[in-house]
Amino acid sequence: MFTVIATATSTVPLQFGVLDPSLFGLLNVIVAVIVGYFTYQDATARKTDSPKLWAGGMALASLLLNLLGFLVAFAVYYFVVIRD
């Protein structure tokens, strides 16, 4: 059993080349923070009732569901807040 685990983990650097897999996780967190910040700025400028909730929801959707979740959350935000 130990041999199988050691063999499986030794091929991971070869699959990703120079890039470390944890770099993608860090990039995902950075994108979620940026999405949350700009959503908060936009929701504050539009004087919505809960800009922190919109920013948190968009950041969470971006963090957990990546592109698909972000697009769904943005569509909801667009139809509820932006489109007057």
N, C-alpha and C. Protein backbone atom coordinates (compact mmCIF):
# COMPACT_ATOMS: atom_id res chain seq x y z
N MET A 1 0.82 -1.19 0.00
CA MET A 1 0.00 0.00 0.00
C MET A 1 0.87 1.25 0.00
N PHE A 2 1.94 1.25 0.77
CA PHE A 2 2.82 2.42 0.83
C PHE A 2 3.48 2.67 -0.52
N THR A 3 3.79 1.63 -1.24
CA THR A 3 4.42 1.77 -2.54
C THR A 3 3.49 2.45 -3.53
N VAL A 4 2.22 2.14 -3.49
CA VAL A 4 1.24 2.74 -4.39
C VAL A 4 1.13 4.23 -4.11
N ILE A 5 1.06 4.62 -2.83
CA ILE A 5 0.95 6.03 -2.47
C ILE A 5 2.21 6.78 -2.87
N ALA A 6 3.37 6.20 -2.62
CA ALA A 6 4.62 6.86 -2.96
C ALA A 6 4.75 7.03 -4.47
N THR A 7 4.32 6.05 -5.21
CA THR A 7 4.39 6.13 -6.67
C THR A 7 3.43 7.19 -7.20
N ALA A 8 2.24 7.24 -6.64
CA ALA A 8 1.23 8.21 -7.11
C ALA A 8 1.66 9.64 -6.80
N THR A 9 2.24 9.87 -5.63
CA THR A 9 2.65 11.23 -5.28
C THR A 9 3.92 11.65 -6.00
N SER A 10 4.73 10.70 -6.43
CA SER A 10 5.97 11.08 -7.11
C SER A 10 5.72 11.54 -8.54
N THR A 11 4.56 11.22 -9.12
CA THR A 11 4.28 11.65 -10.49
C THR A 11 3.62 13.02 -10.56
N VAL A 12 3.16 13.55 -9.44
CA VAL A 12 2.47 14.85 -9.46
C VAL A 12 3.37 15.96 -9.98
N PRO A 13 4.62 16.10 -9.53
CA PRO A 13 5.45 17.17 -10.10
C PRO A 13 5.68 17.04 -11.60
N LEU A 14 5.69 15.82 -12.10
CA LEU A 14 5.88 15.63 -13.53
C LEU A 14 4.65 16.07 -14.32
N GLN A 15 3.48 15.92 -13.75
CA GLN A 15 2.26 16.32 -14.44
C GLN A 15 2.12 17.83 -14.51
N PHE A 16 2.51 18.52 -13.47
CA PHE A 16 2.34 19.97 -13.44
C PHE A 16 3.58 20.72 -13.93
N GLY A 17 4.66 20.04 -14.15
CA GLY A 17 5.86 20.71 -14.64
C GLY A 17 6.45 21.60 -13.57
N VAL A 18 6.70 22.84 -13.92
CA VAL A 18 7.32 23.79 -13.00
C VAL A 18 6.31 24.34 -12.01
N LEU A 19 5.04 24.41 -12.37
CA LEU A 19 4.02 25.00 -11.52
C LEU A 19 3.62 24.06 -10.40
N ASP A 20 3.54 24.60 -9.21
CA ASP A 20 3.12 23.84 -8.04
C ASP A 20 1.59 23.85 -7.95
N PRO A 21 0.94 22.75 -7.63
CA PRO A 21 -0.53 22.73 -7.54
C PRO A 21 -1.08 23.72 -6.52
N SER A 22 -0.33 24.00 -5.46
CA SER A 22 -0.82 24.95 -4.46
C SER A 22 -0.86 26.37 -5.02
N LEU A 23 -0.14 26.63 -6.08
CA LEU A 23 -0.17 27.94 -6.72
C LEU A 23 -1.55 28.22 -7.31
N PHE A 24 -2.21 27.20 -7.82
CA PHE A 24 -3.56 27.37 -8.36
C PHE A 24 -4.56 27.69 -7.26
N GLY A 25 -4.41 27.08 -6.09
CA GLY A 25 -5.27 27.38 -4.96
C GLY A 25 -5.07 28.80 -4.47
N LEU A 26 -3.84 29.25 -4.42
CA LEU A 26 -3.54 30.63 -4.02
C LEU A 26 -4.11 31.61 -5.04
N LEU A 27 -3.98 31.31 -6.29
CA LEU A 27 -4.53 32.17 -7.34
C LEU A 27 -6.05 32.24 -7.24
N ASN A 28 -6.70 31.13 -6.92
CA ASN A 28 -8.14 31.10 -6.75
C ASN A 28 -8.58 31.99 -5.59
N VAL A 29 -7.84 31.98 -4.49
CA VAL A 29 -8.16 32.83 -3.34
C VAL A 29 -7.97 34.30 -3.69
N ILE A 30 -6.91 34.64 -4.41
CA ILE A 30 -6.65 36.02 -4.81
C ILE A 30 -7.77 36.53 -5.72
N VAL A 31 -8.20 35.71 -6.67
CA VAL A 31 -9.29 36.10 -7.56
C VAL A 31 -10.59 36.30 -6.77
N ALA A 32 -10.86 35.44 -5.78
CA ALA A 32 -12.06 35.58 -4.96
C ALA A 32 -12.04 36.88 -4.17
N VAL A 33 -10.89 37.26 -3.65
CA VAL A 33 -10.77 38.52 -2.90
C VAL A 33 -10.99 39.71 -3.82
N ILE A 34 -10.42 39.67 -5.00
CA ILE A 34 -10.59 40.76 -5.97
C ILE A 34 -12.05 40.88 -6.39
N VAL A 35 -12.69 39.76 -6.67
CA VAL A 35 -14.11 39.77 -7.05
C VAL A 35 -14.96 40.35 -5.92
N GLY A 36 -14.69 39.94 -4.70
CA GLY A 36 -15.43 40.45 -3.56
C GLY A 36 -15.22 41.94 -3.36
N TYR A 37 -13.99 42.41 -3.53
CA TYR A 37 -13.70 43.83 -3.36
C TYR A 37 -14.44 44.69 -4.39
N PHE A 38 -14.36 44.31 -5.64
CA PHE A 38 -15.01 45.11 -6.68
C PHE A 38 -16.53 45.02 -6.59
N THR A 39 -17.06 43.88 -6.18
CA THR A 39 -18.50 43.77 -5.97
C THR A 39 -18.94 44.67 -4.82
N TYR A 40 -18.16 44.72 -3.75
CA TYR A 40 -18.48 45.59 -2.62
C TYR A 40 -18.46 47.06 -3.05
N GLN A 41 -17.44 47.45 -3.82
CA GLN A 41 -17.35 48.83 -4.30
C GLN A 41 -18.55 49.19 -5.17
N ASP A 42 -18.94 48.29 -6.04
CA ASP A 42 -20.07 48.55 -6.93
C ASP A 42 -21.39 48.60 -6.15
N ALA A 43 -21.57 47.66 -5.23
CA ALA A 43 -22.81 47.63 -4.45
C ALA A 43 -22.91 48.84 -3.53
N THR A 44 -21.79 49.32 -3.01
CA THR A 44 -21.80 50.52 -2.18
C THR A 44 -22.14 51.75 -3.01
N ALA A 45 -21.58 51.83 -4.20
CA ALA A 45 -21.85 52.98 -5.07
C ALA A 45 -23.31 53.01 -5.51
N ARG A 46 -23.93 51.84 -5.64
CA ARG A 46 -25.33 51.78 -6.04
C ARG A 46 -26.28 51.86 -4.85
N LYS A 47 -25.72 51.99 -3.65
CA LYS A 47 -26.49 52.13 -2.41
C LYS A 47 -27.48 50.98 -2.21
N THR A 48 -26.97 49.76 -2.33
CA THR A 48 -27.82 48.59 -2.07
C THR A 48 -27.96 48.40 -0.56
N ASP A 49 -28.89 47.55 -0.16
CA ASP A 49 -29.15 47.34 1.26
C ASP A 49 -28.02 46.60 1.96
N SER A 50 -27.38 45.66 1.28
CA SER A 50 -26.36 44.83 1.93
C SER A 50 -25.16 44.60 1.01
N PRO A 51 -24.27 45.59 0.87
CA PRO A 51 -23.11 45.39 -0.02
C PRO A 51 -22.15 44.31 0.50
N LYS A 52 -22.07 44.14 1.82
CA LYS A 52 -21.18 43.11 2.36
C LYS A 52 -21.69 41.71 2.02
N LEU A 53 -23.00 41.55 2.02
CA LEU A 53 -23.58 40.26 1.67
C LEU A 53 -23.33 39.93 0.20
N TRP A 54 -23.52 40.91 -0.67
CA TRP A 54 -23.24 40.69 -2.10
C TRP A 54 -21.77 40.37 -2.33
N ALA A 55 -20.88 41.13 -1.67
CA ALA A 55 -19.45 40.88 -1.84
C ALA A 55 -19.06 39.50 -1.34
N GLY A 56 -19.59 39.12 -0.18
CA GLY A 56 -19.29 37.79 0.36
C GLY A 56 -19.83 36.68 -0.51
N GLY A 57 -21.05 36.86 -1.01
CA GLY A 57 -21.64 35.84 -1.88
C GLY A 57 -20.88 35.67 -3.18
N MET A 58 -20.50 36.79 -3.77
CA MET A 58 -19.75 36.71 -5.04
C MET A 58 -18.36 36.10 -4.81
N ALA A 59 -17.71 36.50 -3.73
CA ALA A 59 -16.38 35.95 -3.43
C ALA A 59 -16.47 34.46 -3.13
N LEU A 60 -17.49 34.05 -2.38
CA LEU A 60 -17.66 32.64 -2.06
C LEU A 60 -17.98 31.82 -3.31
N ALA A 61 -18.84 32.36 -4.16
CA ALA A 61 -19.15 31.66 -5.41
C ALA A 61 -17.91 31.55 -6.28
N SER A 62 -17.12 32.60 -6.32
CA SER A 62 -15.89 32.56 -7.12
C SER A 62 -14.88 31.58 -6.54
N LEU A 63 -14.82 31.52 -5.22
CA LEU A 63 -13.85 30.64 -4.57
C LEU A 63 -14.25 29.18 -4.67
N LEU A 64 -15.50 28.88 -4.39
CA LEU A 64 -15.91 27.48 -4.32
C LEU A 64 -16.31 26.88 -5.65
N LEU A 65 -16.96 27.66 -6.49
CA LEU A 65 -17.51 27.09 -7.71
C LEU A 65 -16.78 27.53 -8.97
N ASN A 66 -15.75 28.33 -8.80
CA ASN A 66 -14.93 28.84 -9.89
C ASN A 66 -15.76 29.57 -10.94
N LEU A 67 -15.53 29.33 -12.19
CA LEU A 67 -16.12 30.14 -13.25
C LEU A 67 -17.64 29.96 -13.34
N LEU A 68 -18.13 28.76 -13.26
CA LEU A 68 -19.56 28.52 -13.39
C LEU A 68 -20.34 29.19 -12.25
N GLY A 69 -19.87 29.01 -11.03
CA GLY A 69 -20.53 29.63 -9.89
C GLY A 69 -20.46 31.14 -9.94
N PHE A 70 -19.32 31.66 -10.38
CA PHE A 70 -19.18 33.11 -10.50
C PHE A 70 -20.16 33.67 -11.53
N LEU A 71 -20.31 32.99 -12.66
CA LEU A 71 -21.22 33.48 -13.69
C LEU A 71 -22.67 33.44 -13.23
N VAL A 72 -23.05 32.41 -12.50
CA VAL A 72 -24.42 32.34 -11.97
C VAL A 72 -24.65 33.45 -10.95
N ALA A 73 -23.70 33.63 -10.03
CA ALA A 73 -23.85 34.68 -9.02
C ALA A 73 -23.84 36.06 -9.66
N PHE A 74 -23.03 36.26 -10.69
CA PHE A 74 -23.00 37.55 -11.36
C PHE A 74 -24.30 37.81 -12.09
N ALA A 75 -24.89 36.78 -12.69
CA ALA A 75 -26.17 36.95 -13.38
C ALA A 75 -27.26 37.35 -12.39
N VAL A 76 -27.28 36.73 -11.22
CA VAL A 76 -28.24 37.11 -10.18
C VAL A 76 -28.00 38.56 -9.74
N TYR A 77 -26.75 38.91 -9.52
CA TYR A 77 -26.40 40.28 -9.11
C TYR A 77 -26.80 41.29 -10.19
N TYR A 78 -26.58 40.92 -11.44
CA TYR A 78 -26.93 41.82 -12.53
C TYR A 78 -28.43 42.07 -12.60
N PHE A 79 -29.22 41.01 -12.52
CA PHE A 79 -30.66 41.17 -12.65
C PHE A 79 -31.31 41.79 -11.41
N VAL A 80 -30.68 41.63 -10.24
CA VAL A 80 -31.27 42.17 -9.01
C VAL A 80 -30.79 43.59 -8.73
N VAL A 81 -29.50 43.85 -8.91
CA VAL A 81 -28.92 45.14 -8.49
C VAL A 81 -28.63 46.07 -9.65
N ILE A 82 -27.88 45.62 -10.62
CA ILE A 82 -27.38 46.52 -11.67
C ILE A 82 -28.49 46.96 -12.61
N ARG A 83 -29.30 46.03 -13.04
CA ARG A 83 -30.35 46.34 -14.01
C ARG A 83 -31.49 47.07 -13.32
N ASP A 84 -31.65 48.33 -13.62
CA ASP A 84 -32.69 49.14 -12.97
C ASP A 84 -33.90 49.32 -13.83
